[in-house]
Amino acid sequence: MTLYAFLAQASLPHLQVMQQHDFWEIVSAAMVLISMLGMFVFLAIVVWARQRRRERESFYQHELARKVAERGEISEERLLEMVREQAAEDYRRRREGLRIGGLINLAAGAGLLVALLQIEPKTMFLGLIPFLVGAALLGASFLPRPRA
């Protein structure tokens, strides 16, 4: 006879309550694990789809540039200028993303500083972590563009 069968036969009220409690703990833990697994699977699919889209866009741009250069419809200088313009636009978008991320982290860090100051003044310095990360991102967005 197993321990579980013995406890079920004993039918002591506090053991049955404990068994129900254990059951709901297991169910809640399973729900958390399943939701975490689902989130990571979703993120993996999003990253894969984004990477595939970028590869496809790069391939189409390369094919277009190759066909235009082969036909002689555009000069090589103009083609190189278009590539440089695209690189400059990509860098500008990346810089804007850094600025937005930096401002969001600065605001979250400041809010966390104030909230932790109200709750427990000793822990208020934990709000410096996102605040300083935001400051670093914001500062990095103002660095000059590296020359290639």
Protein backbone atom coordinates (compact mmCIF):
# COMPACT_ATOMS: atom_id res chain seq x y z
CA MET A 1 0.00 0.00 0.00
CA THR A 2 1.39 3.40 -0.95
CA LEU A 3 1.55 6.35 1.38
CA TYR A 4 -1.00 8.26 -0.70
CA ALA A 5 -3.49 5.35 -0.56
CA PHE A 6 -2.96 5.03 3.21
CA LEU A 7 -3.60 8.75 3.74
CA ALA A 8 -6.69 8.61 1.52
CA GLN A 9 -8.08 5.72 3.58
CA ALA A 10 -7.31 7.47 6.84
CA SER A 11 -9.65 10.30 5.76
CA LEU A 12 -8.39 12.64 8.41
CA PRO A 13 -9.85 16.13 7.77
CA HIS A 14 -6.60 18.04 8.11
CA LEU A 15 -4.85 15.66 5.70
CA GLN A 16 -7.57 16.13 3.08
CA VAL A 17 -7.30 19.90 3.38
CA MET A 18 -3.54 19.61 3.03
CA GLN A 19 -3.96 17.42 -0.06
CA GLN A 20 -6.26 19.99 -1.66
CA HIS A 21 -3.82 22.75 -0.77
CA ASP A 22 -0.95 20.82 -2.32
CA PHE A 23 -3.03 20.20 -5.44
CA TRP A 24 -3.71 23.91 -5.94
CA GLU A 25 -0.06 24.74 -5.34
CA ILE A 26 0.90 22.29 -8.06
CA VAL A 27 -1.75 23.67 -10.42
CA SER A 28 -0.66 27.26 -9.84
CA ALA A 29 3.00 26.35 -10.31
CA ALA A 30 2.12 24.52 -13.53
CA MET A 31 0.20 27.56 -14.78
CA VAL A 32 3.17 29.83 -14.09
CA LEU A 33 5.57 27.46 -15.84
CA ILE A 34 3.28 27.05 -18.85
CA SER A 35 2.80 30.81 -19.18
CA MET A 36 6.56 31.40 -18.94
CA LEU A 37 7.20 28.73 -21.55
CA GLY A 38 4.57 30.30 -23.81
CA MET A 39 6.15 33.73 -23.42
CA PHE A 40 9.60 32.45 -24.37
CA VAL A 41 8.23 30.53 -27.35
CA PHE A 42 6.40 33.67 -28.49
CA LEU A 43 9.54 35.79 -28.13
CA ALA A 44 11.59 33.23 -30.05
CA ILE A 45 9.08 33.30 -32.91
CA VAL A 46 9.05 37.10 -32.96
CA VAL A 47 12.84 37.30 -33.09
CA TRP A 48 12.99 34.63 -35.81
CA ALA A 49 10.36 36.42 -37.93
CA ARG A 50 12.10 39.78 -37.54
CA GLN A 51 15.45 38.32 -38.54
CA ARG A 52 13.92 36.59 -41.54
CA ARG A 53 12.28 39.86 -42.64
CA ARG A 54 15.58 41.72 -42.35
CA GLU A 55 17.38 39.08 -44.39
CA ARG A 56 14.69 39.24 -47.07
CA GLU A 57 14.84 43.06 -47.22
CA SER A 58 18.62 42.96 -47.49
CA PHE A 59 18.44 40.38 -50.26
CA TYR A 60 15.90 42.45 -52.24
CA GLN A 61 17.97 45.62 -51.86
CA HIS A 62 21.09 43.82 -53.03
CA GLU A 63 19.28 42.30 -56.03
CA LEU A 64 17.81 45.67 -57.00
CA ALA A 65 21.20 47.37 -56.78
CA ARG A 66 22.83 44.60 -58.81
CA LYS A 67 20.21 44.76 -61.59
CA VAL A 68 20.35 48.54 -61.77
CA ALA A 69 24.16 48.48 -61.92
CA GLU A 70 24.15 45.77 -64.62
CA ARG A 71 21.76 47.72 -66.84
CA GLY A 72 23.75 50.92 -66.42
CA GLU A 73 20.63 52.88 -65.45
CA ILE A 74 22.43 54.56 -62.60
CA SER A 75 26.04 55.53 -62.03
CA GLU A 76 28.19 53.76 -59.48
CA GLU A 77 28.65 57.00 -57.57
CA ARG A 78 24.89 57.46 -57.21
CA LEU A 79 24.53 53.82 -56.13
CA LEU A 80 27.20 54.27 -53.44
CA GLU A 81 25.51 57.48 -52.35
CA MET A 82 22.20 55.62 -51.97
CA VAL A 83 23.91 52.94 -49.85
CA ARG A 84 25.46 55.64 -47.63
CA GLU A 85 22.09 57.37 -47.28
CA GLN A 86 20.51 54.07 -46.21
CA ALA A 87 23.28 53.50 -43.64
CA ALA A 88 22.81 57.04 -42.30
CA GLU A 89 19.05 56.47 -42.01
CA ASP A 90 19.62 53.19 -40.14
CA TYR A 91 22.01 54.93 -37.75
CA ARG A 92 19.51 57.76 -37.17
CA ARG A 93 16.77 55.23 -36.32
CA ARG A 94 19.08 53.40 -33.93
CA ARG A 95 19.98 56.68 -32.22
CA GLU A 96 16.30 57.57 -31.82
CA GLY A 97 15.65 54.15 -30.32
CA LEU A 98 18.45 54.70 -27.81
CA ARG A 99 17.00 58.08 -26.87
CA ILE A 100 13.52 56.70 -26.34
CA GLY A 101 14.83 53.74 -24.32
CA GLY A 102 17.02 56.07 -22.27
CA LEU A 103 14.16 58.42 -21.48
CA ILE A 104 11.90 55.53 -20.50
CA ASN A 105 14.56 54.09 -18.18
CA LEU A 106 15.25 57.53 -16.70
CA ALA A 107 11.56 58.01 -15.93
CA ALA A 108 11.18 54.49 -14.52
CA GLY A 109 14.28 54.94 -12.37
CA ALA A 110 13.09 58.30 -11.05
CA GLY A 111 9.67 56.84 -10.24
CA LEU A 112 11.27 53.87 -8.52
CA LEU A 113 13.51 56.19 -6.50
CA VAL A 114 10.51 58.16 -5.26
CA ALA A 115 8.42 55.05 -4.56
CA LEU A 116 11.20 53.29 -2.67
CA LEU A 117 11.93 56.46 -0.72
CA GLN A 118 8.33 56.43 0.51
CA ILE A 119 8.37 52.71 1.33
CA GLU A 120 11.84 52.18 2.76
CA PRO A 121 14.45 54.96 2.51
CA LYS A 122 17.36 52.51 2.73
CA THR A 123 16.32 50.75 -0.49
CA MET A 124 15.78 53.90 -2.52
CA PHE A 125 19.18 53.49 -4.17
CA LEU A 126 17.87 50.45 -6.06
CA GLY A 127 16.08 52.97 -8.24
CA LEU A 128 19.47 54.23 -9.36
CA ILE A 129 20.02 51.09 -11.43
CA PRO A 130 17.39 51.83 -14.12
CA PHE A 131 18.05 55.55 -13.78
CA LEU A 132 21.76 55.17 -14.56
CA VAL A 133 21.06 52.67 -17.36
CA GLY A 134 18.74 55.25 -18.89
CA ALA A 135 21.38 57.94 -18.51
CA ALA A 136 23.93 55.71 -20.25
CA LEU A 137 21.53 54.96 -23.13
CA LEU A 138 20.66 58.62 -23.49
CA GLY A 139 24.34 59.58 -23.43
CA ALA A 140 25.20 56.92 -26.00
CA SER A 141 22.59 58.34 -28.35
CA PHE A 142 24.52 61.62 -28.53
CA LEU A 143 27.88 60.05 -29.39
CA PRO A 144 29.16 60.93 -32.86
CA ARG A 145 28.64 58.44 -35.67
CA PRO A 146 31.66 56.20 -36.26
CA ARG A 147 33.28 56.60 -39.66
CA ALA A 148 33.50 53.48 -41.78
